[in-house]
Amino acid sequence: MNFNFFNLFWIFLFLASLQPAWQRRATEFRRVQALRQFEQQRNSRVIFLIHRQESISLLGIPLSRYISIEDSEQVLRAIRLTPPDVPIDLILHTPGGLVLATEQIARALIRHRAKVTVFVPHYAMSGGTMLALAADEIVMDENAVLGPVDPQLGNLAAASILRVVDQKPIAEIDDQTLIMADLSRKAIAQVQRFVRTLLEDVVPQPKVQPDKVDGIVDMLTTGRVTHDYPITVEEATKLGLPITAGLPKMIYNIMDLYPQPQGGRPSVQYIPLPYQPRIPLPEPKGRPLPEGAQNR
């Protein structure tokens, strides 16, 4: 059988079409391998909850991902498959998501009898912070942040809606705003009650001092700051949350296996190698130059 140029072209095209599938399989294999290695190091069940902004193929439209009902189904299944005496490590990288899905996961975490540890390499905002509150220990990178969990009605903060109602005469407020204010009161009360439940969890041991609970609830749920306000490691520790600063190196290696999809030219670029501190140059020795000699 004679092969001509067109035969080689079609073979090349066929192999090229298989390359993305091979690459995905290789990446998935490396992820599972890293997960098992980290589980062996920690003697725990490790769960990833990582949300990246993705782009729809061809059109390149950005698509943000959040905590969804599908996520809660998978996480609940992983918790259900974990024996009660086996610790759970949850790696969080998320902007938040649905309240229902978040509360389902958080309730399952506080019901787990063994220790639950949440790792935050970069950020866990809104619903991600609520999941962190369900943990017995929150391990954060020194530059990682959490966020408030005050409820939002659409694009509006519930606390801000209530302030409008408090500052205007009721005769000047339309019915729609009054309805939203009623929903805001209910939403804030529900979130405060749930956050208090998470903080007062004592299984396997108390994680927050009782006198710190009210301050944490007030800071996170009453809209004292904007919903995207970053709560740093120092501020979270001062509030009384069970914070540990400094992540295992394995966490960063795992995050490298979940890169941000690139739709074009990368916006950040650097040489991905650790640099050693530069050796300082030796001090000059010998007779100093006379004054004015350097300008000749």
Protein backbone atom coordinates (compact mmCIF):
# COMPACT_ATOMS: atom_id res chain seq x y z
CA MET A 1 0.00 0.00 0.00
CA ASN A 2 1.50 3.30 -1.11
CA PHE A 3 1.22 6.36 1.14
CA ASN A 4 1.03 9.73 -0.48
CA PHE A 5 0.98 13.21 0.99
CA PHE A 6 -2.78 13.18 1.61
CA ASN A 7 -2.58 9.92 3.56
CA LEU A 8 0.06 11.41 5.85
CA PHE A 9 -2.01 14.57 6.22
CA TRP A 10 -5.09 12.65 7.38
CA ILE A 11 -3.01 10.56 9.81
CA PHE A 12 -1.51 13.75 11.24
CA LEU A 13 -4.97 15.31 11.55
CA PHE A 14 -6.29 12.22 13.34
CA LEU A 15 -3.40 12.19 15.83
CA ALA A 16 -3.74 15.93 16.41
CA SER A 17 -7.43 15.48 17.23
CA LEU A 18 -6.52 12.95 19.91
CA GLN A 19 -3.90 15.18 21.53
CA PRO A 20 -6.34 17.23 23.72
CA ALA A 21 -7.90 14.02 25.07
CA TRP A 22 -4.46 12.59 25.86
CA GLN A 23 -3.49 15.82 27.58
CA ARG A 24 -6.67 15.82 29.70
CA ARG A 25 -6.10 12.21 30.71
CA ALA A 26 -2.49 12.97 31.67
CA THR A 27 -3.55 15.99 33.74
CA GLU A 28 -6.29 14.01 35.47
CA PHE A 29 -3.81 11.24 36.27
CA ARG A 30 -1.41 13.77 37.83
CA ARG A 31 -4.25 15.26 39.89
CA VAL A 32 -5.31 11.88 41.27
CA GLN A 33 -1.67 11.03 41.98
CA ALA A 34 -1.18 14.30 43.88
CA LEU A 35 -4.41 13.75 45.80
CA ARG A 36 -3.37 10.27 46.90
CA GLN A 37 0.08 11.48 47.89
CA PHE A 38 -1.38 14.26 50.03
CA GLU A 39 -3.87 11.84 51.60
CA GLN A 40 -1.02 9.53 52.54
CA GLN A 41 0.91 12.41 54.10
CA ARG A 42 -2.09 13.58 56.12
CA ASN A 43 -3.84 10.23 56.73
CA SER A 44 -7.08 11.90 55.71
CA ARG A 45 -9.73 12.21 53.04
CA VAL A 46 -8.78 15.11 50.74
CA ILE A 47 -11.48 16.99 48.82
CA PHE A 48 -10.82 19.71 46.25
CA LEU A 49 -13.35 22.53 45.74
CA ILE A 50 -11.66 24.75 43.17
CA HIS A 51 -13.49 27.23 40.94
CA ARG A 52 -11.72 28.93 38.06
CA GLN A 53 -13.08 31.37 35.50
CA GLU A 54 -13.34 29.48 32.23
CA SER A 55 -13.97 30.50 28.63
CA ILE A 56 -16.51 28.98 26.27
CA SER A 57 -14.63 27.42 23.36
CA LEU A 58 -14.65 29.32 20.06
CA LEU A 59 -16.54 32.35 21.43
CA GLY A 60 -14.12 32.98 24.29
CA ILE A 61 -16.86 34.26 26.60
CA PRO A 62 -15.72 34.27 30.26
CA LEU A 63 -17.77 31.93 32.45
CA SER A 64 -17.36 32.20 36.21
CA ARG A 65 -17.95 29.11 38.33
CA TYR A 66 -19.48 29.04 41.79
CA ILE A 67 -20.53 26.56 44.48
CA SER A 68 -23.51 24.79 42.93
CA ILE A 69 -25.98 22.05 43.83
CA GLU A 70 -23.88 19.67 41.74
CA ASP A 71 -20.84 20.56 43.86
CA SER A 72 -22.77 19.87 47.06
CA GLU A 73 -23.89 16.48 45.76
CA GLN A 74 -20.31 15.44 45.03
CA VAL A 75 -18.87 16.79 48.29
CA LEU A 76 -21.64 15.19 50.36
CA ARG A 77 -20.95 11.88 48.64
CA ALA A 78 -17.23 12.18 49.45
CA ILE A 79 -18.04 12.91 53.10
CA ARG A 80 -20.49 10.02 53.21
CA LEU A 81 -17.79 7.66 51.91
CA THR A 82 -15.38 8.78 54.65
CA PRO A 83 -15.35 6.75 57.90
CA PRO A 84 -16.29 8.84 60.98
CA ASP A 85 -12.80 8.51 62.49
CA VAL A 86 -10.93 9.65 59.35
CA PRO A 87 -10.07 13.39 59.19
CA ILE A 88 -11.22 15.46 56.21
CA ASP A 89 -9.02 18.04 54.44
CA LEU A 90 -10.89 20.46 52.17
CA ILE A 91 -8.86 22.60 49.75
CA LEU A 92 -10.90 25.73 48.97
CA HIS A 93 -10.47 28.18 46.11
CA THR A 94 -13.85 29.75 45.41
CA PRO A 95 -15.70 33.09 45.20
CA GLY A 96 -18.75 31.56 46.92
CA GLY A 97 -22.03 30.37 45.45
CA LEU A 98 -25.53 29.19 46.26
CA VAL A 99 -26.56 29.47 49.91
CA LEU A 100 -28.43 26.15 49.84
CA ALA A 101 -25.45 24.23 48.45
CA THR A 102 -23.05 25.94 50.85
CA GLU A 103 -25.16 25.20 53.92
CA GLN A 104 -25.57 21.56 52.91
CA ILE A 105 -21.80 21.10 52.69
CA ALA A 106 -21.16 23.04 55.92
CA ARG A 107 -23.70 20.99 57.90
CA ALA A 108 -22.15 17.76 56.64
CA LEU A 109 -18.69 18.99 57.72
CA ILE A 110 -19.71 19.87 61.28
CA ARG A 111 -21.48 16.50 61.61
CA HIS A 112 -18.26 14.67 60.76
CA ARG A 113 -16.82 13.40 64.05
CA ALA A 114 -13.13 13.51 63.08
CA LYS A 115 -11.15 16.71 62.59
CA VAL A 116 -11.99 18.86 59.55
CA THR A 117 -9.27 21.13 58.15
CA VAL A 118 -9.81 23.73 55.42
CA PHE A 119 -6.85 24.93 53.34
CA VAL A 120 -7.10 28.34 51.64
CA PRO A 121 -4.20 28.94 49.23
CA HIS A 122 -5.57 32.16 47.68
CA TYR A 123 -9.13 33.08 48.61
CA ALA A 124 -12.42 31.66 49.89
CA MET A 125 -15.02 34.41 49.77
CA SER A 126 -18.70 34.50 50.79
CA GLY A 127 -19.90 30.89 50.73
CA GLY A 128 -16.28 29.74 50.75
CA THR A 129 -15.81 31.54 54.07
CA MET A 130 -18.93 29.84 55.42
CA LEU A 131 -17.39 26.46 54.56
CA ALA A 132 -14.19 27.54 56.31
CA LEU A 133 -16.22 28.37 59.44
CA ALA A 134 -17.38 24.75 59.52
CA ALA A 135 -13.78 23.54 59.89
CA ASP A 136 -11.96 22.84 63.13
CA GLU A 137 -8.83 24.49 61.70
CA ILE A 138 -8.40 26.99 58.86
CA VAL A 139 -4.93 26.83 57.30
CA MET A 140 -4.22 29.87 55.10
CA ASP A 141 -1.40 31.20 53.00
CA GLU A 142 0.01 34.37 54.55
CA ASN A 143 -1.56 36.38 51.70
CA ALA A 144 -4.84 34.46 51.41
CA VAL A 145 -8.15 36.10 52.35
CA LEU A 146 -11.63 35.23 53.53
CA GLY A 147 -14.71 37.44 53.16
CA PRO A 148 -17.99 38.50 54.79
CA VAL A 149 -21.03 36.22 54.54
CA ASP A 150 -23.72 38.92 54.74
CA PRO A 151 -26.68 37.97 52.50
CA GLN A 152 -27.20 39.61 49.12
CA LEU A 153 -30.56 40.16 47.41
CA GLY A 154 -29.60 40.21 43.77
CA ASN A 155 -26.88 42.84 43.47
CA LEU A 156 -27.86 44.61 46.71
CA ALA A 157 -26.64 43.94 50.23
CA ALA A 158 -29.47 43.09 52.61
CA ALA A 159 -27.96 45.33 55.30
CA SER A 160 -27.92 48.31 52.92
CA ILE A 161 -31.60 47.84 52.07
CA LEU A 162 -32.46 47.92 55.77
CA ARG A 163 -30.47 51.12 56.27
CA VAL A 164 -32.46 52.84 53.51
CA VAL A 165 -35.73 51.88 55.22
CA ASP A 166 -34.44 53.12 58.58
CA GLN A 167 -33.34 56.49 57.19
CA LYS A 168 -36.48 57.41 55.20
CA PRO A 169 -40.07 57.97 56.36
CA ILE A 170 -42.19 54.94 55.55
CA ALA A 171 -44.58 57.11 53.53
CA GLU A 172 -41.76 57.82 51.06
CA ILE A 173 -40.80 54.17 50.55
CA ASP A 174 -42.37 52.15 47.76
CA ASP A 175 -43.88 48.70 48.32
CA GLN A 176 -41.10 46.89 46.47
CA THR A 177 -38.46 48.32 48.78
CA LEU A 178 -40.54 47.40 51.85
CA ILE A 179 -40.86 43.83 50.59
CA MET A 180 -37.10 43.65 50.01
CA ALA A 181 -36.51 45.03 53.50
CA ASP A 182 -38.67 42.27 54.98
CA LEU A 183 -36.73 39.65 53.01
CA SER A 184 -33.47 41.27 54.13
CA ARG A 185 -34.37 40.96 57.82
CA LYS A 186 -35.21 37.30 57.35
CA ALA A 187 -32.06 36.61 55.33
CA ILE A 188 -29.76 38.27 57.88
CA ALA A 189 -31.43 36.43 60.78
CA GLN A 190 -31.10 33.10 58.96
CA VAL A 191 -27.42 33.62 58.13
CA GLN A 192 -26.61 34.79 61.67
CA ARG A 193 -28.32 31.75 63.15
CA PHE A 194 -26.42 29.40 60.84
CA VAL A 195 -23.02 31.06 61.36
CA ARG A 196 -23.55 30.85 65.12
CA THR A 197 -24.31 27.13 64.74
CA LEU A 198 -21.02 26.63 62.89
CA LEU A 199 -18.97 28.58 65.42
CA GLU A 200 -20.51 26.84 68.45
CA ASP A 201 -19.72 23.37 67.10
CA VAL A 202 -17.84 21.36 69.73
CA VAL A 203 -17.15 18.15 67.75
CA PRO A 204 -14.45 16.91 68.13
CA GLN A 205 -13.58 19.91 70.34
CA PRO A 206 -14.52 23.61 70.69
CA LYS A 207 -12.84 25.72 68.00
CA VAL A 208 -13.85 29.28 68.97
CA GLN A 209 -13.89 30.83 72.43
CA PRO A 210 -17.51 31.47 73.50
CA ASP A 211 -16.86 35.17 74.18
CA LYS A 212 -15.64 35.62 70.58
CA VAL A 213 -18.74 34.23 68.85
CA ASP A 214 -20.88 37.38 68.97
CA GLY A 215 -18.09 39.55 67.56
CA ILE A 216 -17.45 37.16 64.67
CA VAL A 217 -21.15 36.92 63.82
CA ASP A 218 -21.50 40.71 63.90
CA MET A 219 -18.43 41.29 61.73
CA LEU A 220 -19.31 38.73 59.08
CA THR A 221 -23.09 39.10 58.73
CA THR A 222 -24.24 42.66 59.45
CA GLY A 223 -22.81 44.47 56.44
CA ARG A 224 -20.27 46.54 58.35
CA VAL A 225 -18.02 46.24 55.27
CA THR A 226 -18.70 45.53 51.60
CA HIS A 227 -19.31 41.96 50.47
CA ASP A 228 -15.95 41.80 48.67
CA TYR A 229 -13.97 43.05 51.68
CA PRO A 230 -10.82 40.89 52.11
CA ILE A 231 -10.36 39.49 55.62
CA THR A 232 -6.65 38.83 56.01
CA VAL A 233 -4.94 36.20 58.13
CA GLU A 234 -4.13 38.81 60.78
CA GLU A 235 -7.70 40.12 60.96
CA ALA A 236 -9.24 36.64 61.01
CA THR A 237 -6.89 35.63 63.84
CA LYS A 238 -7.78 38.79 65.78
CA LEU A 239 -11.48 37.96 65.41
CA GLY A 240 -10.85 34.63 67.11
CA LEU A 241 -11.13 32.20 64.22
CA PRO A 242 -8.98 29.01 64.41
CA ILE A 243 -6.38 30.23 61.89
CA THR A 244 -3.01 28.66 61.12
CA ALA A 245 -0.74 30.60 58.75
CA GLY A 246 1.45 28.69 56.31
CA LEU A 247 0.44 26.00 53.83
CA PRO A 248 2.22 22.72 53.06
CA LYS A 249 4.19 22.95 49.82
CA MET A 250 2.09 20.11 48.42
CA ILE A 251 -0.95 22.44 48.31
CA TYR A 252 0.82 24.79 45.89
CA ASN A 253 1.82 21.83 43.72
CA ILE A 254 -1.82 20.75 43.61
CA MET A 255 -2.97 24.25 42.63
CA ASP A 256 -0.53 24.17 39.72
CA LEU A 257 -2.56 21.25 38.34
CA TYR A 258 -5.65 23.49 38.21
CA PRO A 259 -4.39 26.42 36.12
CA GLN A 260 -6.54 29.29 34.94
CA PRO A 261 -7.60 28.45 31.34
CA GLN A 262 -5.87 30.77 28.88
CA GLY A 263 -7.87 32.17 26.00
CA GLY A 264 -4.98 34.14 24.55
CA ARG A 265 -1.92 36.03 25.74
CA PRO A 266 -1.35 35.43 29.48
CA SER A 267 -1.84 38.52 31.65
CA VAL A 268 0.83 37.40 34.16
CA GLN A 269 4.18 35.96 33.19
CA TYR A 270 7.34 35.14 35.16
CA ILE A 271 10.10 32.54 35.38
CA PRO A 272 8.54 29.77 37.52
CA LEU A 273 11.68 28.97 39.53
CA PRO A 274 12.51 29.82 43.15
CA TYR A 275 15.28 32.40 43.40
CA GLN A 276 17.95 32.21 46.08
CA PRO A 277 18.85 35.42 47.91
CA ARG A 278 21.51 37.27 45.97
CA ILE A 279 24.98 37.23 47.52
CA PRO A 280 25.93 40.82 48.41
CA LEU A 281 28.94 42.27 46.63
CA PRO A 282 32.08 42.57 48.78
CA GLU A 283 32.79 45.96 50.26
CA PRO A 284 35.52 47.88 48.36
CA LYS A 285 38.88 47.76 50.07
CA GLY A 286 41.95 49.92 49.76
CA ARG A 287 42.60 53.63 49.82
CA PRO A 288 39.50 55.72 49.02
CA LEU A 289 39.58 58.03 46.03
CA PRO A 290 40.32 61.65 46.80
CA GLU A 291 37.30 63.96 46.88
CA GLY A 292 36.34 65.10 43.38
CA ALA A 293 38.25 62.31 41.63
CA GLN A 294 35.01 60.48 40.69
CA ASN A 295 33.86 63.45 38.60
CA ARG A 296 36.94 63.54 36.38
